[in-house]
Each structure stands twice: as structure tokens, then as C-alpha cells.
Amino acid sequence: MVILTGDQMRAAEKLAVEDGTSFEQLMENAGNGAAQSMIRRFGELLVPGANILILLGRGNNGGDGLVIARVLLQWQPELTIDLAFCLEGQLSPLAALNLSRLEEYPQIRVWNQPDQQTFSMLCQRSCLILDGIFGTGFHGQLPRPAALAVQTANSSSAKRIALDIPTGINGDNGLAADNSFQADITYAFAAKKPAHILKSSRFLCGEVEVIEIGIDQQMLGRAGGIILADQQTVRPLLPPRRPDSNKGSYGRLLIAGGCRTMTGAVLLASQAAARCGVGLVMAAAPEQALLPIRICLPEALQCSLPLAESGAVSPEAIPTLMEKANGWSTAVLCGCGMSLTAETQQLVSDLLVDNAQVPMVLDADALNALSKIGVDKLKKAQAPVILTPHMMEFSRLSGLTIDEIRENRFEIAARFAQEYGVTLVLKDATTVIASDGRLFINENGNPGLSKGGSGDTLGGMIAAFLAQGVSPQAAALCGVFLHAAAGDIAAEKLTAYAMLPQDVIGCLPDVFKQILL
């Protein structure tokens, strides 16, 4: 599934027009498709004498609502419909055209910027309220008349339907204004938009139904877009298990991490990697971090690393790590539980950025070290690199604030990945992957994953697929999707409150069963 930003949707519409479909026909298709869905879903409410309220802006989103009004009246002439224009200004040509087509219907009542008392009356007598005020073009805060309309609609007992994007939500980044429209269902025209997926706004959209408007999938793809990570995307990327294989067939992963005070991170990463099919896992860590591995994961090989006085891995470990990385492993994961010290910065600089010749995943304190030594070091890497920062870590790497990143996460992620030649896994409630000029978004997962150790688990999973020889893009996609899917199973079994990262690892077999069967 392709997710389109507002600009990409407009580009797709332009392609459709160039191919012979008029903008007028696209609007007709959108309105007719939404009206037919309303008839299927809410036909029992649309009885003779029932009233519908349509909140309108002045643009083409309002035009869609006017088409819906006409189609519903053609289906059930004994409906009454209130059209409430909530913004000042001149109608777009298509909106004006479709308003003129309603002049022959006496069941239509038009209201221009009604006051609160009138809005309350209109909402009270309506069984359905449609929101066609802004659509994909909104950003910032709502003008007072629109805010008044939305606030009154939200307090109504009527079913609430949004056209394309609920008013108050920025369709491209999911940022929502105060008192945004709270939809029971949102009709996404042609394709879902980022706001339908991002968890900051998804709950305001209710159920999202895509309405075909006459633009085929090939044309939507030509407009660009963000690819949804789902089972269909991930299944063909999983490395097959051959009947004649052995442990050497599935790669060797070196996990370098740990320090005196953080002894569980390498264990979680190692357990997660082992559950994702890698042939051999070697945990390279201080003795304090190897002890739980000896107890809980006997399958893992171990490499003891010396400590510096700071409690971090000593630079004396670099020759050993270099030998294991380039002479033994097929991929490296570095940073889990390492702590941020001068020694960590030296290790990341000297070993994994300047000299490693196998693909690597930099996570946690390796990312923090990278922000200290300079991200330009990535341009010297001799092998593919995957970065897995959460928002704060990416803020340090990019020099942008978290608010700036969330305002434009897709463009920023894509630009960073391209500039530094990396695969970027930008972790958040909704994770974004930027790799090789393409963008992916993951919509599964839940708040139970918001616990210490989840990042270590994800890092181990991504690195396990990388070690098995899949591309960095595929490794990131598989790891992110499977991690969130296992998290959803863990939440179902244990609740989002009680689940732990180790429970997510324990649910990985259930996810593989779902995907592979």
C-alpha cells in the first residue's frame, strides 16, 4: 500500500488529468464512492425525514461534500441536508459548480458561518455529520468559525464522518490542532495519507476506508509516496530456510556492547537475534554483561572485553573486535548498553566507522558517540550502515529539535539517509525507514513497547537479518515490522502495562507462524 502526502496526491491527480480524467470527474468519483459507502454503512439511519449536516470549507474538500449531498438525495429524496459553510472567502470553481447543481433540491438548506446556538441546533437534529472543511490542506490552528463548528460536532451524538482528513489535522505529519474533528470513520480518497497511519492522529480518524476515485495503483506509485510495511511487504524479504543448510548458512552476528552498569542490553539483543534465524551469535562484552548470557542464552558464543576505569569497554578491546568483525562475522551490532564515554567514542570511530568491512547496525550509545565524533564519519564507512535512533538520538545526530523533526519527519529522514549513505530507522510511536531513496512506514505496535530494552531487542532483530545476507533495507523492514507485530501479540496476552521486551522476544515464534504459514 502506498501512502501519499498532500503534494504527492496532487501530483497523482495531475497525472490522472493528463491521462484523460478531468478534475471534475475525480471529484464526482470521490463523492459518489463516499456516498455509496455511507448508504451501505448507515442506510438504517437514512430514513425519510432524517437530517444530515455537512460542514464545508471553500475548497475542493467542500466540493466532495456537495457531491455526496446530491448523491444521497438522489438515493433518498426524503432526506433533508444542512450545508454549513464554516470559512469566509470564495468557493473553488468545482465547489461552486456542485453547489449550483443543488439549487433544484428544496431539501437543501444553506448556512453561512452560523453562530454557536445555530450549530448546536443543526448538530442536535442530525443523524450524520460530515466534515468537509479542510481536507489535506490544513496546518496550524483552526480559525474560530471552524473551531466552533468542530467543537460542537464533537459533542454531538451523531455519527461523524471526515472527508479525506479530519479538520484540524495536518495530513502530512499528523500534528493536530486543539479541538480537531473526532471522526468515527474517515474516507481517504485514492490512498491513505500519513495522518491516517501516524499514531499522533490515527485515533482521531476512526476507521479509515479508502475510496477509489479513478486513479490506478500504478499512477499512484508514479507520484512517489511512502510504502506501508505489512505482511505482504515483509514476507518475501525473509531469508528462506533450506533443507540442506547448516548453521554456517545463516550468518554470524557479532554484538558488541555492555558496560559495568548495564548488563542486560546485550542479552536482549542476543536473544532477539537468535530468535530471528541467524546461524551464530557472538556476544562481545565485559564479563559483567556476559554472565546473564551464560545463564539465559547458552546458544551464544562469548568474547570477553576489558573495561576502562570509566566502566566502559576499553580501547584495548579494539584489536579483538576488529579481528572478530572482519575475520569472523557477517554483520555487527554495536552500542547496546555501552554507556557514552570517551572510550566508546574512540571505539565507534576507530573500529566500526573507519575500519569495519562488514555491514553494521549502530544503536543506542554508538549513536550518541557518533553524534559526538561527527556524523560525517559515516561517509568513510567501508560497508553498509544501519542507524536506529529514537527521536532524541536523531535530534543529536541531525542537529534539529524533536519538534522540527516531527513537523517534517519523512523529508528529513530521506534527506539524512541519502546524504550519509545509510539506512535510517527513525524510531517513534510510528517508525519510519529511509533507505536507498525510498520511505517506509510501520503502523503496528503499541505503547507496551515503550520500555527500556525494546531498542536493544529491535537492534538484535535487524542485525540478525543483516547477518543472514539480506539488504540493509530488507533487514530494517523485517526487524521493524516483526518487532512491532510481536509486541502486539505480547500486549494481547499480557497487556501493554505488564509486557516486557523479553516477552516480545518470546512472541516472535507466533509472528513467524502467522507470516510463514
Protein backbone atom coordinates (compact mmCIF):
# COMPACT_ATOMS: atom_id res chain seq x y z
CA MET A 1 0.00 0.00 0.00
CA VAL A 2 1.28 3.44 -0.97
CA ILE A 3 0.77 6.33 1.46
CA LEU A 4 0.68 9.76 -0.21
CA THR A 5 1.40 13.20 1.18
CA GLY A 6 -0.76 16.12 0.07
CA ASP A 7 1.75 17.18 -2.61
CA GLN A 8 2.04 13.60 -3.87
CA MET A 9 -1.75 13.25 -4.02
CA ARG A 10 -1.95 16.42 -6.09
CA ALA A 11 0.76 15.03 -8.36
CA ALA A 12 -1.26 11.83 -8.80
CA GLU A 13 -4.36 13.84 -9.65
CA LYS A 14 -2.36 15.79 -12.23
CA LEU A 15 -1.16 12.53 -13.79
CA ALA A 16 -4.75 11.31 -13.97
CA VAL A 17 -5.85 14.54 -15.68
CA GLU A 18 -3.00 14.24 -18.18
CA ASP A 19 -4.23 10.69 -18.83
CA GLY A 20 -7.70 11.98 -19.70
CA THR A 21 -9.67 12.07 -16.43
CA SER A 22 -10.89 15.54 -15.50
CA PHE A 23 -10.69 17.04 -12.02
CA GLU A 24 -14.47 17.26 -12.13
CA GLN A 25 -14.72 13.52 -12.74
CA LEU A 26 -12.27 12.76 -9.92
CA MET A 27 -14.45 14.79 -7.53
CA GLU A 28 -17.58 13.06 -8.81
CA ASN A 29 -15.97 9.66 -8.25
CA ALA A 30 -14.84 10.64 -4.73
CA GLY A 31 -18.23 11.94 -3.68
CA ASN A 32 -20.15 9.09 -5.25
CA GLY A 33 -17.87 6.46 -3.68
CA ALA A 34 -18.18 8.01 -0.22
CA ALA A 35 -21.97 8.34 -0.56
CA GLN A 36 -22.32 4.70 -1.59
CA SER A 37 -20.28 3.64 1.45
CA MET A 38 -22.50 5.78 3.69
CA ILE A 39 -25.58 4.08 2.26
CA ARG A 40 -24.06 0.66 2.98
CA ARG A 41 -22.92 1.57 6.47
CA PHE A 42 -25.68 3.88 7.67
CA GLY A 43 -28.66 3.04 5.50
CA GLU A 44 -30.82 2.30 8.55
CA LEU A 45 -30.32 5.91 9.70
CA LEU A 46 -31.05 7.47 6.33
CA VAL A 47 -34.82 7.08 6.53
CA PRO A 48 -37.38 9.59 5.23
CA GLY A 49 -37.23 12.74 7.34
CA ALA A 50 -33.67 12.11 8.59
CA ASN A 51 -31.31 15.09 8.56
CA ILE A 52 -27.62 15.26 7.61
CA LEU A 53 -25.28 18.13 8.46
CA ILE A 54 -22.32 18.77 6.14
CA LEU A 55 -19.61 21.14 7.41
CA LEU A 56 -17.95 22.80 4.46
CA GLY A 57 -14.94 24.89 3.61
CA ARG A 58 -14.46 26.82 0.41
CA GLY A 59 -12.16 24.41 -1.44
CA ASN A 60 -12.42 21.09 -3.20
CA ASN A 61 -12.82 19.14 0.04
CA GLY A 62 -16.09 21.01 0.44
CA GLY A 63 -16.85 20.16 -3.19
CA ASP A 64 -16.63 16.46 -2.33
CA GLY A 65 -19.21 17.03 0.41
CA LEU A 66 -21.55 18.75 -2.07
CA VAL A 67 -21.35 15.79 -4.45
CA ILE A 68 -22.21 13.49 -1.54
CA ALA A 69 -25.27 15.61 -0.74
CA ARG A 70 -26.55 15.27 -4.31
CA VAL A 71 -25.96 11.50 -4.49
CA LEU A 72 -27.71 10.90 -1.15
CA LEU A 73 -30.74 12.96 -2.20
CA GLN A 74 -30.97 11.05 -5.47
CA TRP A 75 -31.00 7.83 -3.45
CA GLN A 76 -33.38 9.04 -0.70
CA PRO A 77 -35.28 12.17 -1.78
CA GLU A 78 -36.98 12.50 1.60
CA LEU A 79 -33.77 13.36 3.43
CA THR A 80 -33.03 16.93 4.49
CA ILE A 81 -29.48 18.26 4.37
CA ASP A 82 -27.95 21.30 6.07
CA LEU A 83 -24.89 22.79 4.37
CA ALA A 84 -22.92 24.88 6.87
CA PHE A 85 -20.09 26.92 5.32
CA CYS A 86 -17.56 27.44 8.11
CA LEU A 87 -15.00 29.68 6.35
CA GLU A 88 -15.03 33.01 4.61
CA GLY A 89 -13.96 33.52 1.02
CA GLN A 90 -14.87 32.49 -2.47
CA LEU A 91 -15.71 28.91 -3.40
CA SER A 92 -13.33 26.99 -5.62
CA PRO A 93 -14.70 26.60 -9.18
CA LEU A 94 -15.58 22.93 -8.66
CA ALA A 95 -17.20 23.58 -5.29
CA ALA A 96 -19.24 26.41 -6.83
CA LEU A 97 -20.27 24.15 -9.71
CA ASN A 98 -21.50 21.43 -7.40
CA LEU A 99 -23.31 23.91 -5.16
CA SER A 100 -25.18 25.19 -8.22
CA ARG A 101 -26.26 21.64 -9.00
CA LEU A 102 -28.04 21.53 -5.65
CA GLU A 103 -30.25 24.54 -6.36
CA GLU A 104 -33.03 22.30 -7.69
CA TYR A 105 -33.26 20.41 -4.38
CA PRO A 106 -35.62 22.05 -1.86
CA GLN A 107 -34.35 19.60 0.78
CA ILE A 108 -31.11 21.62 0.95
CA ARG A 109 -30.63 24.44 3.48
CA VAL A 110 -27.53 26.62 3.27
CA TRP A 111 -25.98 28.35 6.30
CA ASN A 112 -23.06 30.77 6.15
CA GLN A 113 -20.89 30.78 9.29
CA PRO A 114 -23.72 30.08 11.74
CA ASP A 115 -23.28 31.03 15.38
CA GLN A 116 -22.89 28.52 18.21
CA GLN A 117 -26.57 28.35 19.00
CA THR A 118 -27.37 27.55 15.38
CA PHE A 119 -24.57 24.98 15.19
CA SER A 120 -25.94 23.30 18.29
CA MET A 121 -29.41 23.15 16.74
CA LEU A 122 -28.04 21.77 13.46
CA CYS A 123 -25.99 19.07 15.23
CA GLN A 124 -28.86 18.12 17.51
CA ARG A 125 -31.26 17.37 14.68
CA SER A 126 -28.73 15.44 12.52
CA CYS A 127 -28.06 11.70 12.46
CA LEU A 128 -24.83 12.12 10.46
CA ILE A 129 -22.29 14.94 10.44
CA LEU A 130 -19.83 15.16 7.55
CA ASP A 131 -16.62 17.13 7.86
CA GLY A 132 -15.51 18.68 4.57
CA ILE A 133 -13.93 21.86 5.86
CA PHE A 134 -10.20 21.48 5.12
CA GLY A 135 -9.14 18.00 3.99
CA THR A 136 -5.40 17.60 3.28
CA GLY A 137 -4.62 21.31 3.14
CA PHE A 138 -4.70 22.16 6.83
CA HIS A 139 -1.86 23.25 9.12
CA GLY A 140 -1.63 25.36 12.26
CA GLN A 141 -4.66 26.22 14.40
CA LEU A 142 -8.30 26.32 13.36
CA PRO A 143 -9.98 29.64 12.51
CA ARG A 144 -12.62 30.48 15.09
CA PRO A 145 -15.73 29.64 12.97
CA ALA A 146 -14.27 26.24 12.02
CA ALA A 147 -13.18 25.56 15.60
CA LEU A 148 -16.69 26.37 16.80
CA ALA A 149 -18.25 24.03 14.26
CA VAL A 150 -15.87 21.17 15.07
CA GLN A 151 -16.19 21.57 18.84
CA THR A 152 -19.99 21.47 18.60
CA ALA A 153 -19.92 18.47 16.27
CA ASN A 154 -17.59 16.56 18.59
CA SER A 155 -20.07 16.90 21.45
CA SER A 156 -22.93 15.57 19.31
CA SER A 157 -24.27 12.01 19.49
CA ALA A 158 -24.45 11.86 15.68
CA LYS A 159 -22.12 9.64 13.67
CA ARG A 160 -19.17 11.73 12.49
CA ILE A 161 -17.59 11.24 9.08
CA ALA A 162 -14.44 13.00 7.82
CA LEU A 163 -13.66 13.51 4.15
CA ASP A 164 -10.02 12.63 3.47
CA ILE A 165 -8.56 14.12 6.72
CA PRO A 166 -10.44 15.24 9.85
CA THR A 167 -10.39 19.02 10.12
CA GLY A 168 -7.61 20.23 12.42
CA ILE A 169 -5.09 17.55 11.43
CA ASN A 170 -2.09 18.16 9.20
CA GLY A 171 -2.35 15.30 6.71
CA ASP A 172 1.40 15.12 6.12
CA ASN A 173 2.71 14.97 9.69
CA GLY A 174 -0.26 14.06 11.89
CA LEU A 175 0.06 17.14 14.08
CA ALA A 176 -3.39 18.05 15.38
CA ALA A 177 -4.83 21.41 16.41
CA ASP A 178 -6.86 21.82 19.57
CA ASN A 179 -10.44 20.58 19.14
CA SER A 180 -9.72 18.65 15.92
CA PHE A 181 -12.66 16.80 14.41
CA GLN A 182 -13.08 13.36 16.01
CA ALA A 183 -14.27 11.04 13.27
CA ASP A 184 -15.98 7.68 13.61
CA ILE A 185 -14.94 6.97 10.05
CA THR A 186 -12.68 8.77 7.59
CA TYR A 187 -12.95 8.36 3.83
CA ALA A 188 -9.45 8.56 2.36
CA PHE A 189 -9.70 9.44 -1.31
CA ALA A 190 -7.49 7.33 -3.63
CA ALA A 191 -4.91 6.47 -0.93
CA LYS A 192 -4.22 6.77 2.76
CA LYS A 193 -2.28 9.80 3.92
CA PRO A 194 0.41 9.86 6.65
CA ALA A 195 -2.09 11.19 9.22
CA HIS A 196 -4.14 8.00 8.81
CA ILE A 197 -1.12 5.97 9.92
CA LEU A 198 0.75 8.14 12.42
CA LYS A 199 -0.36 7.33 15.96
CA SER A 200 -0.47 11.02 16.90
CA SER A 201 -3.50 11.43 14.65
CA ARG A 202 -4.78 7.96 13.82
CA PHE A 203 -7.14 7.84 16.80
CA LEU A 204 -8.89 10.99 15.52
CA CYS A 205 -9.55 9.36 12.15
CA GLY A 206 -11.57 6.43 13.48
CA GLU A 207 -11.91 3.67 10.92
CA VAL A 208 -10.26 4.60 7.63
CA GLU A 209 -11.78 3.44 4.36
CA VAL A 210 -10.03 4.12 1.06
CA ILE A 211 -12.40 5.34 -1.67
CA GLU A 212 -11.33 4.68 -5.25
CA ILE A 213 -11.61 7.83 -7.37
CA GLY A 214 -10.30 6.60 -10.73
CA ILE A 215 -6.53 6.75 -10.21
CA ASP A 216 -4.96 3.29 -10.53
CA GLN A 217 -2.21 1.96 -8.28
CA GLN A 218 0.46 2.32 -10.95
CA MET A 219 -0.33 6.01 -11.31
CA LEU A 220 -0.34 6.46 -7.52
CA GLY A 221 3.08 4.83 -7.39
CA ARG A 222 4.42 7.19 -10.06
CA ALA A 223 3.54 10.09 -7.76
CA GLY A 224 6.02 8.79 -5.18
CA GLY A 225 4.74 8.01 -1.74
CA ILE A 226 5.57 6.07 1.39
CA ILE A 227 5.26 2.30 1.40
CA LEU A 228 3.35 0.65 4.24
CA ALA A 229 5.32 -2.11 5.98
CA ASP A 230 2.93 -5.05 6.30
CA GLN A 231 2.93 -8.83 5.98
CA GLN A 232 2.76 -8.68 2.19
CA THR A 233 5.79 -6.39 2.10
CA VAL A 234 7.85 -8.35 4.60
CA ARG A 235 7.08 -12.00 3.74
CA PRO A 236 9.14 -12.19 0.52
CA LEU A 237 12.08 -10.47 2.24
CA LEU A 238 12.58 -13.17 4.90
CA PRO A 239 15.60 -15.37 4.07
CA PRO A 240 14.43 -18.91 3.25
CA ARG A 241 15.42 -21.92 5.35
CA ARG A 242 16.85 -24.54 3.01
CA PRO A 243 16.53 -28.27 3.81
CA ASP A 244 20.23 -28.88 3.13
CA SER A 245 21.52 -25.97 5.23
CA ASN A 246 23.64 -25.77 8.37
CA LYS A 247 24.42 -23.08 10.93
CA GLY A 248 27.01 -21.61 8.61
CA SER A 249 24.30 -20.95 6.04
CA TYR A 250 22.62 -18.25 8.11
CA GLY A 251 25.36 -15.84 9.01
CA ARG A 252 27.42 -14.91 12.04
CA LEU A 253 26.45 -11.88 14.10
CA LEU A 254 28.86 -10.04 16.40
CA ILE A 255 27.11 -7.99 19.10
CA ALA A 256 29.46 -5.54 20.79
CA GLY A 257 28.12 -3.69 23.80
CA GLY A 258 27.65 -3.58 27.54
CA CYS A 259 29.46 -1.82 30.35
CA ARG A 260 29.93 -2.24 34.09
CA THR A 261 26.45 -0.94 34.99
CA MET A 262 24.31 -2.02 32.00
CA THR A 263 24.41 -5.78 31.79
CA GLY A 264 21.07 -6.72 30.21
CA ALA A 265 21.16 -4.92 26.86
CA VAL A 266 23.50 -7.36 25.11
CA LEU A 267 21.45 -10.30 26.41
CA LEU A 268 18.21 -8.91 24.99
CA ALA A 269 19.85 -8.14 21.64
CA SER A 270 21.41 -11.61 21.52
CA GLN A 271 18.16 -13.38 22.41
CA ALA A 272 16.23 -11.42 19.80
CA ALA A 273 18.85 -12.13 17.14
CA ALA A 274 18.86 -15.84 17.92
CA ARG A 275 15.06 -15.93 17.56
CA CYS A 276 15.34 -14.35 14.09
CA GLY A 277 17.22 -17.18 12.47
CA VAL A 278 20.87 -16.11 12.48
CA GLY A 279 23.21 -19.11 12.48
CA LEU A 280 25.65 -17.95 15.17
CA VAL A 281 25.59 -15.11 17.69
CA MET A 282 28.73 -13.90 19.46
CA ALA A 283 28.29 -11.53 22.39
CA ALA A 284 31.39 -9.35 22.82
CA ALA A 285 31.03 -7.59 26.15
CA PRO A 286 32.57 -7.12 29.60
CA GLU A 287 32.34 -10.08 31.97
CA GLN A 288 29.51 -8.38 33.89
CA ALA A 289 27.35 -8.45 30.74
CA LEU A 290 28.39 -11.96 29.71
CA LEU A 291 27.25 -13.57 32.96
CA PRO A 292 23.49 -13.32 32.22
CA ILE A 293 24.15 -14.59 28.69
CA ARG A 294 25.86 -17.70 30.05
CA ILE A 295 22.80 -18.34 32.19
CA CYS A 296 19.99 -17.39 29.81
CA LEU A 297 21.34 -17.96 26.30
CA PRO A 298 23.72 -20.93 26.14
CA GLU A 299 23.44 -20.85 22.33
CA ALA A 300 25.53 -17.67 22.16
CA LEU A 301 29.29 -17.56 21.77
CA GLN A 302 31.10 -15.17 24.10
CA CYS A 303 34.03 -12.81 23.79
CA SER A 304 35.16 -11.10 26.99
CA LEU A 305 36.21 -7.46 26.62
CA PRO A 306 38.34 -5.45 29.07
CA LEU A 307 36.91 -2.47 30.94
CA ALA A 308 38.38 1.00 31.21
CA GLU A 309 38.36 2.84 34.54
CA SER A 310 35.18 4.62 33.44
CA GLY A 311 33.35 1.28 33.38
CA ALA A 312 33.04 1.32 29.57
CA VAL A 313 34.68 -1.08 27.14
CA SER A 314 38.39 -0.24 26.96
CA PRO A 315 40.07 0.84 23.69
CA GLU A 316 42.34 -2.16 24.31
CA ALA A 317 39.42 -4.24 23.02
CA ILE A 318 39.61 -2.70 19.54
CA PRO A 319 42.10 -5.22 18.03
CA THR A 320 39.99 -8.12 19.30
CA LEU A 321 36.78 -6.58 17.99
CA MET A 322 38.46 -5.83 14.65
CA GLU A 323 39.51 -9.46 14.31
CA LYS A 324 36.03 -10.76 15.18
CA ALA A 325 34.28 -8.22 12.96
CA ASN A 326 36.33 -8.65 9.80
CA GLY A 327 37.61 -12.19 10.30
CA TRP A 328 34.55 -13.96 11.71
CA SER A 329 31.26 -12.07 11.43
CA THR A 330 28.95 -11.36 8.52
CA ALA A 331 27.40 -8.37 10.35
CA VAL A 332 27.98 -6.32 13.52
CA LEU A 333 25.64 -4.68 16.02
CA CYS A 334 27.29 -2.10 18.24
CA GLY A 335 26.13 0.18 21.03
CA CYS A 336 23.64 -1.70 23.20
CA GLY A 337 24.26 -0.78 26.84
CA MET A 338 27.72 0.63 26.16
CA SER A 339 27.45 4.00 28.00
CA LEU A 340 28.67 7.23 26.44
CA THR A 341 32.32 7.84 27.29
CA ALA A 342 35.47 8.91 25.50
CA GLU A 343 36.35 5.22 25.17
CA THR A 344 33.05 4.49 23.41
CA GLN A 345 33.63 7.38 21.03
CA GLN A 346 37.08 6.05 20.17
CA LEU A 347 35.76 2.54 19.66
CA VAL A 348 32.99 3.68 17.31
CA SER A 349 35.37 5.91 15.36
CA ASP A 350 38.35 3.59 15.08
CA LEU A 351 36.58 0.29 14.62
CA LEU A 352 33.10 0.44 13.24
CA VAL A 353 33.12 3.57 11.13
CA ASP A 354 36.67 3.71 9.77
CA ASN A 355 37.69 0.07 9.51
CA ALA A 356 34.86 -2.48 9.62
CA GLN A 357 34.38 -4.27 6.30
CA VAL A 358 31.06 -5.98 7.08
CA PRO A 359 27.57 -4.46 7.32
CA MET A 360 26.77 -2.96 10.70
CA VAL A 361 23.95 -1.64 12.86
CA LEU A 362 24.72 1.29 15.15
CA ASP A 363 22.33 1.59 18.07
CA ALA A 364 21.98 3.34 21.42
CA ASP A 365 25.29 4.68 22.73
CA ALA A 366 27.05 4.01 19.44
CA LEU A 367 24.66 6.62 18.00
CA ASN A 368 25.36 9.02 20.85
CA ALA A 369 29.08 8.52 20.30
CA LEU A 370 28.59 9.18 16.60
CA SER A 371 26.89 12.49 17.36
CA LYS A 372 29.97 13.47 19.38
CA ILE A 373 32.62 12.45 16.84
CA GLY A 374 30.63 13.80 13.89
CA VAL A 375 28.16 12.17 11.51
CA ASP A 376 30.48 12.89 8.58
CA LYS A 377 32.39 9.82 9.78
CA LEU A 378 29.60 7.81 8.13
CA LYS A 379 30.83 8.91 4.71
CA LYS A 380 34.05 6.99 5.34
CA ALA A 381 32.34 3.70 6.15
CA GLN A 382 33.59 0.79 4.06
CA ALA A 383 30.39 -1.25 4.43
CA PRO A 384 26.65 -0.59 4.64
CA VAL A 385 25.44 1.04 7.87
CA ILE A 386 22.01 0.96 9.52
CA LEU A 387 21.25 3.60 12.16
CA THR A 388 18.41 3.00 14.64
CA PRO A 389 17.89 6.27 16.57
CA HIS A 390 14.84 7.26 18.58
CA MET A 391 13.76 10.87 18.29
CA MET A 392 16.18 12.28 20.88
CA GLU A 393 19.12 10.37 19.41
CA PHE A 394 18.23 11.55 15.92
CA SER A 395 17.94 15.09 17.22
CA ARG A 396 21.56 14.84 18.37
CA LEU A 397 22.65 13.35 15.05
CA SER A 398 20.79 15.83 12.85
CA GLY A 399 21.12 18.98 14.97
CA LEU A 400 17.35 19.53 14.71
CA THR A 401 14.85 19.74 17.54
CA ILE A 402 12.34 16.94 18.04
CA ASP A 403 9.54 19.33 17.11
CA GLU A 404 11.30 20.19 13.85
CA ILE A 405 11.73 16.50 13.06
CA ARG A 406 8.09 15.66 13.75
CA GLU A 407 6.98 18.61 11.63
CA ASN A 408 8.62 17.05 8.57
CA ARG A 409 9.91 13.61 9.53
CA PHE A 410 9.66 11.98 6.10
CA GLU A 411 11.63 14.57 4.14
CA ILE A 412 14.21 14.92 6.92
CA ALA A 413 14.71 11.16 7.24
CA ALA A 414 15.00 10.71 3.47
CA ARG A 415 17.48 13.59 3.16
CA PHE A 416 19.66 12.33 6.04
CA ALA A 417 19.75 8.77 4.69
CA GLN A 418 20.70 9.98 1.23
CA GLU A 419 23.33 12.47 2.40
CA TYR A 420 25.16 9.97 4.59
CA GLY A 421 24.53 6.84 2.54
CA VAL A 422 22.84 4.91 5.36
CA THR A 423 19.61 3.10 6.09
CA LEU A 424 17.83 5.11 8.78
CA VAL A 425 15.33 3.53 11.17
CA LEU A 426 13.74 6.54 12.87
CA LYS A 427 12.03 5.05 15.91
CA ASP A 428 8.89 6.62 17.31
CA ALA A 429 5.34 5.53 18.12
CA THR A 430 5.16 5.17 14.32
CA THR A 431 8.56 4.16 12.95
CA VAL A 432 9.85 5.45 9.60
CA ILE A 433 12.54 3.76 7.49
CA ALA A 434 14.53 5.69 4.89
CA SER A 435 16.76 3.65 2.59
CA ASP A 436 18.02 3.82 -1.00
CA GLY A 437 15.73 6.72 -1.87
CA ARG A 438 12.61 5.00 -0.57
CA LEU A 439 10.46 5.60 2.51
CA PHE A 440 8.55 3.06 4.56
CA ILE A 441 6.19 3.46 7.49
CA ASN A 442 5.15 0.90 10.09
CA GLU A 443 1.68 1.17 11.63
CA ASN A 444 1.57 -1.78 14.04
CA GLY A 445 2.95 -1.79 17.59
CA ASN A 446 1.58 -0.41 20.84
CA PRO A 447 2.58 1.61 23.96
CA GLY A 448 3.77 -1.55 25.70
CA LEU A 449 6.91 -1.29 23.57
CA SER A 450 7.75 2.00 25.29
CA LYS A 451 10.06 0.36 27.83
CA GLY A 452 13.78 0.12 28.36
CA GLY A 453 15.22 -2.77 26.38
CA SER A 454 12.85 -2.52 23.42
CA GLY A 455 15.51 -0.78 21.34
CA ASP A 456 18.09 -3.46 22.15
CA THR A 457 15.59 -6.11 21.10
CA LEU A 458 14.89 -4.36 17.80
CA GLY A 459 18.59 -3.81 17.15
CA GLY A 460 19.29 -7.51 17.59
CA MET A 461 16.50 -8.43 15.20
CA ILE A 462 17.59 -6.05 12.44
CA ALA A 463 21.21 -7.16 12.80
CA ALA A 464 20.19 -10.84 12.65
CA PHE A 465 18.61 -10.37 9.23
CA LEU A 466 21.57 -8.28 8.06
CA ALA A 467 23.92 -11.09 9.09
CA GLN A 468 21.87 -13.54 7.02
CA GLY A 469 22.74 -11.61 3.88
CA VAL A 470 19.61 -9.61 3.16
CA SER A 471 19.96 -5.97 2.12
CA PRO A 472 20.05 -3.24 4.79
CA GLN A 473 16.65 -2.01 3.60
CA ALA A 474 15.13 -5.50 3.87
CA ALA A 475 16.78 -6.13 7.24
CA ALA A 476 15.34 -2.90 8.62
CA LEU A 477 11.88 -3.65 7.25
CA CYS A 478 11.81 -7.20 8.61
CA GLY A 479 13.11 -6.18 12.02
CA VAL A 480 10.78 -3.22 12.50
CA PHE A 481 7.63 -4.99 11.35
CA LEU A 482 8.26 -8.24 13.23
CA HIS A 483 9.26 -6.43 16.43
CA ALA A 484 6.03 -4.42 16.45
CA ALA A 485 3.92 -7.44 15.47
CA ALA A 486 5.41 -9.50 18.32
CA GLY A 487 4.73 -6.53 20.60
CA ASP A 488 1.06 -6.59 19.61
CA ILE A 489 0.82 -10.28 20.47
CA ALA A 490 2.56 -9.70 23.79
CA ALA A 491 0.12 -6.88 24.61
CA GLU A 492 -2.83 -9.11 23.79
CA LYS A 493 -1.51 -11.82 26.09
CA LEU A 494 -0.10 -9.71 28.91
CA THR A 495 -1.46 -6.14 28.42
CA ALA A 496 0.61 -3.13 27.35
CA TYR A 497 1.16 -2.35 31.05
CA ALA A 498 2.72 -5.67 32.04
CA MET A 499 4.57 -6.83 28.93
CA LEU A 500 8.38 -6.68 28.85
CA PRO A 501 10.89 -6.71 25.98
CA GLN A 502 11.72 -10.31 26.84
CA ASP A 503 8.02 -11.14 26.36
CA VAL A 504 8.23 -9.60 22.88
CA ILE A 505 11.13 -11.95 22.09
CA GLY A 506 9.04 -14.83 23.41
CA CYS A 507 6.23 -13.93 20.98
CA LEU A 508 8.44 -13.94 17.88
CA PRO A 509 7.62 -17.62 17.10
CA ASP A 510 3.92 -16.66 16.97
CA VAL A 511 4.69 -13.91 14.46
CA PHE A 512 6.74 -16.19 12.23
CA LYS A 513 3.89 -18.72 12.27
CA GLN A 514 1.44 -16.04 11.14
CA ILE A 515 3.68 -14.81 8.34
CA LEU A 516 5.12 -18.06 7.05
CA LEU A 517 2.02 -20.27 7.11
